[in-house]
Amino acid sequence: SGKTAAYLLPVISTLLKNGVTEADSCECASPNALIIAPTRESAIQIFLEARKFAYGSSLRTVVVYGGVSVSHQVGELCDGCNLLVATPGRLNDFIGRGRVSLSKIQYLILDEA
């Protein structure tokens, strides 16, 4: 949607301009941008838009949300993550497990339904 593009495009553009980094370790993802979405459906929609806007670049976007296998999402995080789209519950879970660190966050976006 237009609202999603309005915040995604500047963030993606700036991240690419500043250069994206490879994953530090498989143990803990440290994204540069975090988008918190209220529902699984909105998180997936935002992720698909972000992936489309970043297509052909080195920017790696990952989505995490509840109701699905944790192991698959951990695997995605291990492949690297510059922009993370997450629901609050799964984000809190992954922070508690030491799978996500907020230490390198430059952009935080709270999306609403």
PDB file of N, CA and C in Angstrom:
ATOM      1  N   SER A   1       0.837  -1.189   0.000  1.00  0.00           N
ATOM      2  CA  SER A   1       0.000   0.000   0.000  1.00  0.00           C
ATOM      3  C   SER A   1       0.875   1.243   0.000  1.00  0.00           C
ATOM      4  N   GLY A   2       0.272   2.391  -0.193  1.00  0.00           N
ATOM      5  CA  GLY A   2       1.005   3.649  -0.223  1.00  0.00           C
ATOM      6  C   GLY A   2       1.663   3.970   1.098  1.00  0.00           C
ATOM      7  N   LYS A   3       0.972   3.680   2.191  1.00  0.00           N
ATOM      8  CA  LYS A   3       1.528   3.946   3.526  1.00  0.00           C
ATOM      9  C   LYS A   3       2.785   3.106   3.752  1.00  0.00           C
ATOM     10  N   THR A   4       2.725   1.854   3.367  1.00  0.00           N
ATOM     11  CA  THR A   4       3.871   0.960   3.550  1.00  0.00           C
ATOM     12  C   THR A   4       5.057   1.440   2.718  1.00  0.00           C
ATOM     13  N   ALA A   5       4.803   1.787   1.473  1.00  0.00           N
ATOM     14  CA  ALA A   5       5.873   2.284   0.601  1.00  0.00           C
ATOM     15  C   ALA A   5       6.466   3.578   1.144  1.00  0.00           C
ATOM     16  N   ALA A   6       5.626   4.404   1.768  1.00  0.00           N
ATOM     17  CA  ALA A   6       6.087   5.698   2.283  1.00  0.00           C
ATOM     18  C   ALA A   6       7.167   5.542   3.348  1.00  0.00           C
ATOM     19  N   TYR A   7       7.124   4.475   4.133  1.00  0.00           N
ATOM     20  CA  TYR A   7       8.200   4.289   5.109  1.00  0.00           C
ATOM     21  C   TYR A   7       9.252   3.284   4.651  1.00  0.00           C
ATOM     22  N   LEU A   8       8.877   2.328   3.798  1.00  0.00           N
ATOM     23  CA  LEU A   8       9.853   1.333   3.356  1.00  0.00           C
ATOM     24  C   LEU A   8      10.901   1.904   2.401  1.00  0.00           C
ATOM     25  N   LEU A   9      10.465   2.672   1.427  1.00  0.00           N
ATOM     26  CA  LEU A   9      11.398   3.155   0.406  1.00  0.00           C
ATOM     27  C   LEU A   9      12.534   4.006   0.981  1.00  0.00           C
ATOM     28  N   PRO A  10      12.263   4.973   1.864  1.00  0.00           N
ATOM     29  CA  PRO A  10      13.390   5.733   2.432  1.00  0.00           C
ATOM     30  C   PRO A  10      14.337   4.874   3.281  1.00  0.00           C
ATOM     31  N   VAL A  11      13.783   3.936   4.035  1.00  0.00           N
ATOM     32  CA  VAL A  11      14.623   3.073   4.871  1.00  0.00           C
ATOM     33  C   VAL A  11      15.497   2.180   3.995  1.00  0.00           C
ATOM     34  N   ILE A  12      14.904   1.532   3.012  1.00  0.00           N
ATOM     35  CA  ILE A  12      15.665   0.648   2.123  1.00  0.00           C
ATOM     36  C   ILE A  12      16.720   1.441   1.363  1.00  0.00           C
ATOM     37  N   SER A  13      16.341   2.600   0.852  1.00  0.00           N
ATOM     38  CA  SER A  13      17.280   3.445   0.115  1.00  0.00           C
ATOM     39  C   SER A  13      18.476   3.839   0.978  1.00  0.00           C
ATOM     40  N   THR A  14      18.217   4.254   2.203  1.00  0.00           N
ATOM     41  CA  THR A  14      19.296   4.669   3.100  1.00  0.00           C
ATOM     42  C   THR A  14      20.184   3.491   3.489  1.00  0.00           C
ATOM     43  N   LEU A  15      19.581   2.352   3.779  1.00  0.00           N
ATOM     44  CA  LEU A  15      20.383   1.174   4.124  1.00  0.00           C
ATOM     45  C   LEU A  15      21.298   0.786   2.967  1.00  0.00           C
ATOM     46  N   LEU A  16      20.779   0.820   1.751  1.00  0.00           N
ATOM     47  CA  LEU A  16      21.595   0.463   0.591  1.00  0.00           C
ATOM     48  C   LEU A  16      22.685   1.504   0.343  1.00  0.00           C
ATOM     49  N   LYS A  17      22.354   2.767   0.534  1.00  0.00           N
ATOM     50  CA  LYS A  17      23.332   3.843   0.342  1.00  0.00           C
ATOM     51  C   LYS A  17      24.478   3.724   1.346  1.00  0.00           C
ATOM     52  N   ASN A  18      24.156   3.368   2.576  1.00  0.00           N
ATOM     53  CA  ASN A  18      25.170   3.241   3.625  1.00  0.00           C
ATOM     54  C   ASN A  18      25.913   1.916   3.572  1.00  0.00           C
ATOM     55  N   GLY A  19      25.405   0.986   2.787  1.00  0.00           N
ATOM     56  CA  GLY A  19      26.031  -0.326   2.665  1.00  0.00           C
ATOM     57  C   GLY A  19      25.471  -1.308   3.670  1.00  0.00           C
ATOM     58  N   VAL A  20      25.104  -2.476   3.200  1.00  0.00           N
ATOM     59  CA  VAL A  20      24.566  -3.511   4.080  1.00  0.00           C
ATOM     60  C   VAL A  20      25.690  -4.467   4.445  1.00  0.00           C
ATOM     61  N   THR A  21      25.588  -5.039   5.626  1.00  0.00           N
ATOM     62  CA  THR A  21      26.631  -5.935   6.118  1.00  0.00           C
ATOM     63  C   THR A  21      26.128  -7.372   6.135  1.00  0.00           C
ATOM     64  N   GLU A  22      27.067  -8.273   6.097  1.00  0.00           N
ATOM     65  CA  GLU A  22      26.741  -9.695   6.196  1.00  0.00           C
ATOM     66  C   GLU A  22      26.374 -10.029   7.636  1.00  0.00           C
ATOM     67  N   ALA A  23      25.765 -11.175   7.823  1.00  0.00           N
ATOM     68  CA  ALA A  23      25.399 -11.624   9.169  1.00  0.00           C
ATOM     69  C   ALA A  23      26.661 -11.811  10.011  1.00  0.00           C
ATOM     70  N   ASP A  24      26.607 -11.333  11.258  1.00  0.00           N
ATOM     71  CA  ASP A  24      27.750 -11.483  12.158  1.00  0.00           C
ATOM     72  C   ASP A  24      27.941 -12.935  12.575  1.00  0.00           C
ATOM     73  N   SER A  25      26.862 -13.567  12.982  1.00  0.00           N
ATOM     74  CA  SER A  25      26.936 -14.969  13.388  1.00  0.00           C
ATOM     75  C   SER A  25      25.558 -15.582  13.241  1.00  0.00           C
ATOM     76  N   CYS A  26      25.543 -16.877  13.203  1.00  0.00           N
ATOM     77  CA  CYS A  26      24.266 -17.572  13.079  1.00  0.00           C
ATOM     78  C   CYS A  26      23.509 -17.579  14.402  1.00  0.00           C
ATOM     79  N   GLU A  27      24.196 -17.299  15.475  1.00  0.00           N
ATOM     80  CA  GLU A  27      23.557 -17.366  16.788  1.00  0.00           C
ATOM     81  C   GLU A  27      22.569 -16.235  17.018  1.00  0.00           C
ATOM     82  N   CYS A  28      22.907 -15.028  16.538  1.00  0.00           N
ATOM     83  CA  CYS A  28      22.090 -13.871  16.873  1.00  0.00           C
ATOM     84  C   CYS A  28      22.055 -12.894  15.707  1.00  0.00           C
ATOM     85  N   ALA A  29      20.867 -12.612  15.190  1.00  0.00           N
ATOM     86  CA  ALA A  29      20.703 -11.644  14.108  1.00  0.00           C
ATOM     87  C   ALA A  29      20.693 -10.240  14.691  1.00  0.00           C
ATOM     88  N   SER A  30      21.345  -9.306  13.990  1.00  0.00           N
ATOM     89  CA  SER A  30      21.396  -7.906  14.416  1.00  0.00           C
ATOM     90  C   SER A  30      20.963  -7.018  13.257  1.00  0.00           C
ATOM     91  N   PRO A  31      19.660  -6.907  13.027  1.00  0.00           N
ATOM     92  CA  PRO A  31      19.182  -6.114  11.891  1.00  0.00           C
ATOM     93  C   PRO A  31      19.456  -4.622  12.075  1.00  0.00           C
ATOM     94  N   ASN A  32      19.483  -3.901  10.944  1.00  0.00           N
ATOM     95  CA  ASN A  32      19.647  -2.448  10.965  1.00  0.00           C
ATOM     96  C   ASN A  32      18.304  -1.737  11.051  1.00  0.00           C
ATOM     97  N   ALA A  33      17.256  -2.399  10.617  1.00  0.00           N
ATOM     98  CA  ALA A  33      15.915  -1.813  10.645  1.00  0.00           C
ATOM     99  C   ALA A  33      14.933  -2.853  11.157  1.00  0.00           C
ATOM    100  N   LEU A  34      13.987  -2.390  11.965  1.00  0.00           N
ATOM    101  CA  LEU A  34      12.972  -3.270  12.542  1.00  0.00           C
ATOM    102  C   LEU A  34      11.600  -2.662  12.315  1.00  0.00           C
ATOM    103  N   ILE A  35      10.714  -3.460  11.757  1.00  0.00           N
ATOM    104  CA  ILE A  35       9.319  -3.060  11.583  1.00  0.00           C
ATOM    105  C   ILE A  35       8.482  -4.004  12.434  1.00  0.00           C
ATOM    106  N   ILE A  36       7.742  -3.445  13.372  1.00  0.00           N
ATOM    107  CA  ILE A  36       6.876  -4.246  14.232  1.00  0.00           C
ATOM    108  C   ILE A  36       5.454  -4.115  13.714  1.00  0.00           C
ATOM    109  N   ALA A  37       4.863  -5.249  13.365  1.00  0.00           N
ATOM    110  CA  ALA A  37       3.508  -5.296  12.812  1.00  0.00           C
ATOM    111  C   ALA A  37       2.585  -5.982  13.814  1.00  0.00           C
ATOM    112  N   PRO A  38       1.323  -5.555  13.883  1.00  0.00           N
ATOM    113  CA  PRO A  38       0.424  -6.097  14.904  1.00  0.00           C
ATOM    114  C   PRO A  38      -0.053  -7.526  14.656  1.00  0.00           C
ATOM    115  N   THR A  39      -0.101  -7.948  13.400  1.00  0.00           N
ATOM    116  CA  THR A  39      -0.637  -9.274  13.085  1.00  0.00           C
ATOM    117  C   THR A  39       0.279 -10.018  12.124  1.00  0.00           C
ATOM    118  N   ARG A  40       0.114 -11.325  12.092  1.00  0.00           N
ATOM    119  CA  ARG A  40       0.862 -12.163  11.161  1.00  0.00           C
ATOM    120  C   ARG A  40       0.607 -11.735   9.720  1.00  0.00           C
ATOM    121  N   GLU A  41      -0.654 -11.479   9.403  1.00  0.00           N
ATOM    122  CA  GLU A  41      -1.020 -11.105   8.039  1.00  0.00           C
ATOM    123  C   GLU A  41      -0.352  -9.803   7.619  1.00  0.00           C
ATOM    124  N   SER A  42      -0.366  -8.810   8.495  1.00  0.00           N
ATOM    125  CA  SER A  42       0.259  -7.530   8.135  1.00  0.00           C
ATOM    126  C   SER A  42       1.778  -7.677   8.057  1.00  0.00           C
ATOM    127  N   ALA A  43       2.369  -8.492   8.917  1.00  0.00           N
ATOM    128  CA  ALA A  43       3.814  -8.721   8.861  1.00  0.00           C
ATOM    129  C   ALA A  43       4.210  -9.347   7.526  1.00  0.00           C
ATOM    130  N   ILE A  44       3.450 -10.326   7.082  1.00  0.00           N
ATOM    131  CA  ILE A  44       3.740 -10.979   5.798  1.00  0.00           C
ATOM    132  C   ILE A  44       3.589  -9.988   4.654  1.00  0.00           C
ATOM    133  N   GLN A  45       2.539  -9.186   4.686  1.00  0.00           N
ATOM    134  CA  GLN A  45       2.305  -8.198   3.624  1.00  0.00           C
ATOM    135  C   GLN A  45       3.459  -7.185   3.559  1.00  0.00           C
ATOM    136  N   ILE A  46       3.896  -6.692   4.702  1.00  0.00           N
ATOM    137  CA  ILE A  46       5.007  -5.734   4.745  1.00  0.00           C
ATOM    138  C   ILE A  46       6.285  -6.393   4.237  1.00  0.00           C
ATOM    139  N   PHE A  47       6.534  -7.618   4.668  1.00  0.00           N
ATOM    140  CA  PHE A  47       7.713  -8.362   4.221  1.00  0.00           C
ATOM    141  C   PHE A  47       7.728  -8.510   2.701  1.00  0.00           C
ATOM    142  N   LEU A  48       6.595  -8.886   2.119  1.00  0.00           N
ATOM    143  CA  LEU A  48       6.534  -9.069   0.666  1.00  0.00           C
ATOM    144  C   LEU A  48       6.806  -7.764  -0.070  1.00  0.00           C
ATOM    145  N   GLU A  49       6.286  -6.660   0.456  1.00  0.00           N
ATOM    146  CA  GLU A  49       6.553  -5.353  -0.151  1.00  0.00           C
ATOM    147  C   GLU A  49       8.034  -4.999  -0.029  1.00  0.00           C
ATOM    148  N   ALA A  50       8.608  -5.199   1.141  1.00  0.00           N
ATOM    149  CA  ALA A  50      10.022  -4.880   1.354  1.00  0.00           C
ATOM    150  C   ALA A  50      10.907  -5.719   0.437  1.00  0.00           C
ATOM    151  N   ARG A  51      10.587  -6.984   0.321  1.00  0.00           N
ATOM    152  CA  ARG A  51      11.372  -7.866  -0.550  1.00  0.00           C
ATOM    153  C   ARG A  51      11.280  -7.414  -2.004  1.00  0.00           C
ATOM    154  N   LYS A  52      10.089  -6.978  -2.402  1.00  0.00           N
ATOM    155  CA  LYS A  52       9.899  -6.486  -3.769  1.00  0.00           C
ATOM    156  C   LYS A  52      10.726  -5.217  -4.003  1.00  0.00           C
ATOM    157  N   PHE A  53      10.689  -4.284  -3.059  1.00  0.00           N
ATOM    158  CA  PHE A  53      11.427  -3.029  -3.212  1.00  0.00           C
ATOM    159  C   PHE A  53      12.936  -3.242  -3.181  1.00  0.00           C
ATOM    160  N   ALA A  54      13.404  -4.258  -2.472  1.00  0.00           N
ATOM    161  CA  ALA A  54      14.843  -4.517  -2.349  1.00  0.00           C
ATOM    162  C   ALA A  54      15.342  -5.542  -3.368  1.00  0.00           C
ATOM    163  N   TYR A  55      14.479  -6.002  -4.251  1.00  0.00           N
ATOM    164  CA  TYR A  55      14.828  -7.046  -5.216  1.00  0.00           C
ATOM    165  C   TYR A  55      16.081  -6.656  -6.011  1.00  0.00           C
ATOM    166  N   GLY A  56      16.982  -7.593  -6.152  1.00  0.00           N
ATOM    167  CA  GLY A  56      18.197  -7.373  -6.928  1.00  0.00           C
ATOM    168  C   GLY A  56      19.308  -6.680  -6.148  1.00  0.00           C
ATOM    169  N   SER A  57      19.053  -6.361  -4.901  1.00  0.00           N
ATOM    170  CA  SER A  57      20.069  -5.715  -4.067  1.00  0.00           C
ATOM    171  C   SER A  57      20.626  -6.738  -3.076  1.00  0.00           C
ATOM    172  N   SER A  58      21.581  -6.297  -2.292  1.00  0.00           N
ATOM    173  CA  SER A  58      22.160  -7.180  -1.277  1.00  0.00           C
ATOM    174  C   SER A  58      21.415  -7.104   0.053  1.00  0.00           C
ATOM    175  N   LEU A  59      20.365  -6.300   0.116  1.00  0.00           N
ATOM    176  CA  LEU A  59      19.588  -6.155   1.351  1.00  0.00           C
ATOM    177  C   LEU A  59      18.816  -7.438   1.637  1.00  0.00           C
ATOM    178  N   ARG A  60      18.953  -7.940   2.834  1.00  0.00           N
ATOM    179  CA  ARG A  60      18.272  -9.182   3.236  1.00  0.00           C
ATOM    180  C   ARG A  60      17.150  -8.844   4.202  1.00  0.00           C
ATOM    181  N   THR A  61      15.931  -9.221   3.822  1.00  0.00           N
ATOM    182  CA  THR A  61      14.737  -8.979   4.626  1.00  0.00           C
ATOM    183  C   THR A  61      14.213 -10.306   5.156  1.00  0.00           C
ATOM    184  N   VAL A  62      13.838 -10.325   6.442  1.00  0.00           N
ATOM    185  CA  VAL A  62      13.315 -11.532   7.080  1.00  0.00           C
ATOM    186  C   VAL A  62      12.047 -11.160   7.830  1.00  0.00           C
ATOM    187  N   VAL A  63      11.087 -12.093   7.847  1.00  0.00           N
ATOM    188  CA  VAL A  63       9.856 -11.899   8.618  1.00  0.00           C
ATOM    189  C   VAL A  63       9.754 -13.004   9.664  1.00  0.00           C
ATOM    190  N   VAL A  64       9.359 -12.622  10.885  1.00  0.00           N
ATOM    191  CA  VAL A  64       9.126 -13.607  11.945  1.00  0.00           C
ATOM    192  C   VAL A  64       7.792 -13.303  12.608  1.00  0.00           C
ATOM    193  N   TYR A  65       7.025 -14.365  12.857  1.00  0.00           N
ATOM    194  CA  TYR A  65       5.699 -14.223  13.463  1.00  0.00           C
ATOM    195  C   TYR A  65       5.322 -15.546  14.093  1.00  0.00           C
ATOM    196  N   GLY A  66       4.368 -15.493  15.003  1.00  0.00           N
ATOM    197  CA  GLY A  66       3.939 -16.690  15.709  1.00  0.00           C
ATOM    198  C   GLY A  66       3.047 -17.583  14.877  1.00  0.00           C
ATOM    199  N   GLY A  67       2.839 -18.783  15.381  1.00  0.00           N
ATOM    200  CA  GLY A  67       1.937 -19.726  14.732  1.00  0.00           C
ATOM    201  C   GLY A  67       2.593 -20.624  13.711  1.00  0.00           C
ATOM    202  N   VAL A  68       3.908 -20.479  13.525  1.00  0.00           N
ATOM    203  CA  VAL A  68       4.644 -21.334  12.592  1.00  0.00           C
ATOM    204  C   VAL A  68       5.925 -21.812  13.266  1.00  0.00           C
ATOM    205  N   SER A  69       6.624 -22.704  12.604  1.00  0.00           N
ATOM    206  CA  SER A  69       7.844 -23.299  13.141  1.00  0.00           C
ATOM    207  C   SER A  69       8.914 -22.249  13.444  1.00  0.00           C
ATOM    208  N   VAL A  70       9.446 -22.313  14.635  1.00  0.00           N
ATOM    209  CA  VAL A  70      10.541 -21.428  15.027  1.00  0.00           C
ATOM    210  C   VAL A  70      11.804 -21.779  14.249  1.00  0.00           C
ATOM    211  N   SER A  71      12.042 -23.065  14.011  1.00  0.00           N
ATOM    212  CA  SER A  71      13.293 -23.497  13.388  1.00  0.00           C
ATOM    213  C   SER A  71      13.468 -22.913  11.988  1.00  0.00           C
ATOM    214  N   HIS A  72      12.406 -22.844  11.214  1.00  0.00           N
ATOM    215  CA  HIS A  72      12.509 -22.257   9.871  1.00  0.00           C
ATOM    216  C   HIS A  72      12.880 -20.777   9.961  1.00  0.00           C
ATOM    217  N   GLN A  73      12.249 -20.065  10.888  1.00  0.00           N
ATOM    218  CA  GLN A  73      12.524 -18.639  11.024  1.00  0.00           C
ATOM    219  C   GLN A  73      13.939 -18.395  11.547  1.00  0.00           C
ATOM    220  N   VAL A  74      14.425 -19.241  12.443  1.00  0.00           N
ATOM    221  CA  VAL A  74      15.806 -19.132  12.923  1.00  0.00           C
ATOM    222  C   VAL A  74      16.766 -19.344  11.753  1.00  0.00           C
ATOM    223  N   GLY A  75      16.459 -20.307  10.900  1.00  0.00           N
ATOM    224  CA  GLY A  75      17.280 -20.545   9.720  1.00  0.00           C
ATOM    225  C   GLY A  75      17.347 -19.332   8.811  1.00  0.00           C
ATOM    226  N   GLU A  76      16.213 -18.670   8.632  1.00  0.00           N
ATOM    227  CA  GLU A  76      16.182 -17.449   7.820  1.00  0.00           C
ATOM    228  C   GLU A  76      17.044 -16.360   8.450  1.00  0.00           C
ATOM    229  N   LEU A  77      16.954 -16.209   9.759  1.00  0.00           N
ATOM    230  CA  LEU A  77      17.766 -15.207  10.455  1.00  0.00           C
ATOM    231  C   LEU A  77      19.254 -15.517  10.323  1.00  0.00           C
ATOM    232  N   CYS A  78      19.607 -16.801  10.344  1.00  0.00           N
ATOM    233  CA  CYS A  78      21.010 -17.209  10.237  1.00  0.00           C
ATOM    234  C   CYS A  78      21.613 -16.868   8.880  1.00  0.00           C
ATOM    235  N   ASP A  79      20.772 -16.737   7.873  1.00  0.00           N
ATOM    236  CA  ASP A  79      21.260 -16.390   6.536  1.00  0.00           C
ATOM    237  C   ASP A  79      21.581 -14.907   6.414  1.00  0.00           C
ATOM    238  N   GLY A  80      21.302 -14.146   7.462  1.00  0.00           N
ATOM    239  CA  GLY A  80      21.555 -12.709   7.454  1.00  0.00           C
ATOM    240  C   GLY A  80      20.253 -11.942   7.482  1.00  0.00           C
ATOM    241  N   CYS A  81      20.282 -10.779   8.098  1.00  0.00           N
ATOM    242  CA  CYS A  81      19.061  -9.987   8.229  1.00  0.00           C
ATOM    243  C   CYS A  81      19.424  -8.520   8.398  1.00  0.00           C
ATOM    244  N   ASN A  82      19.084  -7.712   7.394  1.00  0.00           N
ATOM    245  CA  ASN A  82      19.275  -6.269   7.497  1.00  0.00           C
ATOM    246  C   ASN A  82      17.993  -5.568   7.913  1.00  0.00           C
ATOM    247  N   LEU A  83      16.866  -6.086   7.440  1.00  0.00           N
ATOM    248  CA  LEU A  83      15.561  -5.511   7.755  1.00  0.00           C
ATOM    249  C   LEU A  83      14.675  -6.633   8.282  1.00  0.00           C
ATOM    250  N   LEU A  84      14.230  -6.481   9.511  1.00  0.00           N
ATOM    251  CA  LEU A  84      13.408  -7.504  10.153  1.00  0.00           C
ATOM    252  C   LEU A  84      11.989  -6.990  10.313  1.00  0.00           C
ATOM    253  N   VAL A  85      11.031  -7.785   9.857  1.00  0.00           N
ATOM    254  CA  VAL A  85       9.610  -7.510  10.072  1.00  0.00           C
ATOM    255  C   VAL A  85       9.137  -8.555  11.075  1.00  0.00           C
ATOM    256  N   ALA A  86       8.516  -8.102  12.172  1.00  0.00           N
ATOM    257  CA  ALA A  86       8.177  -9.036  13.247  1.00  0.00           C
ATOM    258  C   ALA A  86       6.880  -8.654  13.936  1.00  0.00           C
ATOM    259  N   THR A  87       6.203  -9.672  14.455  1.00  0.00           N
ATOM    260  CA  THR A  87       5.082  -9.416  15.357  1.00  0.00           C
ATOM    261  C   THR A  87       5.664  -9.314  16.769  1.00  0.00           C
ATOM    262  N   PRO A  88       4.990  -8.600  17.667  1.00  0.00           N
ATOM    263  CA  PRO A  88       5.558  -8.374  19.002  1.00  0.00           C
ATOM    264  C   PRO A  88       5.884  -9.649  19.774  1.00  0.00           C
ATOM    265  N   GLY A  89       4.992 -10.628  19.735  1.00  0.00           N
ATOM    266  CA  GLY A  89       5.213 -11.853  20.499  1.00  0.00           C
ATOM    267  C   GLY A  89       6.429 -12.626  20.043  1.00  0.00           C
ATOM    268  N   ARG A  90       6.556 -12.841  18.738  1.00  0.00           N
ATOM    269  CA  ARG A  90       7.704 -13.605  18.224  1.00  0.00           C
ATOM    270  C   ARG A  90       8.999 -12.813  18.386  1.00  0.00           C
ATOM    271  N   LEU A  91       8.937 -11.504  18.222  1.00  0.00           N
ATOM    272  CA  LEU A  91      10.122 -10.677  18.440  1.00  0.00           C
ATOM    273  C   LEU A  91      10.598 -10.812  19.885  1.00  0.00           C
ATOM    274  N   ASN A  92       9.690 -10.694  20.823  1.00  0.00           N
ATOM    275  CA  ASN A  92      10.034 -10.829  22.240  1.00  0.00           C
ATOM    276  C   ASN A  92      10.617 -12.215  22.528  1.00  0.00           C
ATOM    277  N   ASP A  93      10.032 -13.237  21.929  1.00  0.00           N
ATOM    278  CA  ASP A  93      10.521 -14.611  22.087  1.00  0.00           C
ATOM    279  C   ASP A  93      11.957 -14.733  21.581  1.00  0.00           C
ATOM    280  N   PHE A  94      12.224 -14.216  20.384  1.00  0.00           N
ATOM    281  CA  PHE A  94      13.557 -14.336  19.796  1.00  0.00           C
ATOM    282  C   PHE A  94      14.591 -13.491  20.538  1.00  0.00           C
ATOM    283  N   ILE A  95      14.188 -12.346  21.062  1.00  0.00           N
ATOM    284  CA  ILE A  95      15.109 -11.553  21.879  1.00  0.00           C
ATOM    285  C   ILE A  95      15.445 -12.332  23.149  1.00  0.00           C
ATOM    286  N   GLY A  96      14.432 -12.917  23.780  1.00  0.00           N
ATOM    287  CA  GLY A  96      14.640 -13.710  24.993  1.00  0.00           C
ATOM    288  C   GLY A  96      15.517 -14.925  24.772  1.00  0.00           C
ATOM    289  N   ARG A  97      15.429 -15.533  23.604  1.00  0.00           N
ATOM    290  CA  ARG A  97      16.254 -16.703  23.270  1.00  0.00           C
ATOM    291  C   ARG A  97      17.659 -16.309  22.817  1.00  0.00           C
ATOM    292  N   GLY A  98      17.902 -15.025  22.663  1.00  0.00           N
ATOM    293  CA  GLY A  98      19.202 -14.568  22.174  1.00  0.00           C
ATOM    294  C   GLY A  98      19.365 -14.735  20.681  1.00  0.00           C
ATOM    295  N   ARG A  99      18.273 -14.821  19.944  1.00  0.00           N
ATOM    296  CA  ARG A  99      18.312 -14.998  18.486  1.00  0.00           C
ATOM    297  C   ARG A  99      18.266 -13.679  17.725  1.00  0.00           C
ATOM    298  N   VAL A 100      17.794 -12.616  18.383  1.00  0.00           N
ATOM    299  CA  VAL A 100      17.737 -11.288  17.775  1.00  0.00           C
ATOM    300  C   VAL A 100      18.310 -10.288  18.768  1.00  0.00           C
ATOM    301  N   SER A 101      19.186  -9.423  18.266  1.00  0.00           N
ATOM    302  CA  SER A 101      19.740  -8.327  19.059  1.00  0.00           C
ATOM    303  C   SER A 101      19.278  -7.010  18.444  1.00  0.00           C
ATOM    304  N   LEU A 102      18.953  -6.065  19.283  1.00  0.00           N
ATOM    305  CA  LEU A 102      18.528  -4.749  18.804  1.00  0.00           C
ATOM    306  C   LEU A 102      19.685  -3.748  18.817  1.00  0.00           C
ATOM    307  N   SER A 103      20.901  -4.211  19.020  1.00  0.00           N
ATOM    308  CA  SER A 103      22.060  -3.333  19.198  1.00  0.00           C
ATOM    309  C   SER A 103      22.422  -2.518  17.958  1.00  0.00           C
ATOM    310  N   LYS A 104      22.059  -2.980  16.766  1.00  0.00           N
ATOM    311  CA  LYS A 104      22.425  -2.266  15.536  1.00  0.00           C
ATOM    312  C   LYS A 104      21.233  -1.581  14.865  1.00  0.00           C
ATOM    313  N   ILE A 105      20.106  -1.529  15.560  1.00  0.00           N
ATOM    314  CA  ILE A 105      18.909  -0.914  14.975  1.00  0.00           C
ATOM    315  C   ILE A 105      19.152   0.572  14.723  1.00  0.00           C
ATOM    316  N   GLN A 106      18.935   0.983  13.477  1.00  0.00           N
ATOM    317  CA  GLN A 106      18.996   2.394  13.099  1.00  0.00           C
ATOM    318  C   GLN A 106      17.596   2.952  12.858  1.00  0.00           C
ATOM    319  N   TYR A 107      16.681   2.075  12.459  1.00  0.00           N
ATOM    320  CA  TYR A 107      15.312   2.485  12.145  1.00  0.00           C
ATOM    321  C   TYR A 107      14.334   1.547  12.833  1.00  0.00           C
ATOM    322  N   LEU A 108      13.377   2.137  13.535  1.00  0.00           N
ATOM    323  CA  LEU A 108      12.313   1.377  14.183  1.00  0.00           C
ATOM    324  C   LEU A 108      10.989   1.931  13.690  1.00  0.00           C
ATOM    325  N   ILE A 109      10.166   1.048  13.135  1.00  0.00           N
ATOM    326  CA  ILE A 109       8.862   1.444  12.610  1.00  0.00           C
ATOM    327  C   ILE A 109       7.796   0.607  13.290  1.00  0.00           C
ATOM    328  N   LEU A 110       6.812   1.271  13.865  1.00  0.00           N
ATOM    329  CA  LEU A 110       5.663   0.597  14.463  1.00  0.00           C
ATOM    330  C   LEU A 110       4.507   0.735  13.495  1.00  0.00           C
ATOM    331  N   ASP A 111       4.152  -0.357  12.850  1.00  0.00           N
ATOM    332  CA  ASP A 111       3.050  -0.334  11.900  1.00  0.00           C
ATOM    333  C   ASP A 111       1.757  -0.583  12.655  1.00  0.00           C
ATOM    334  N   GLU A 112       0.679  -0.020  12.151  1.00  0.00           N
ATOM    335  CA  GLU A 112      -0.623  -0.252  12.778  1.00  0.00           C
ATOM    336  C   GLU A 112      -1.537  -0.949  11.795  1.00  0.00           C
ATOM    337  N   ALA A 113      -2.522  -1.632  12.318  1.00  0.00           N
ATOM    338  CA  ALA A 113      -3.444  -2.381  11.459  1.00  0.00           C
ATOM    339  C   ALA A 113      -4.356  -1.444  10.700  1.00  0.00           C
TER     340      ALA A 113
END
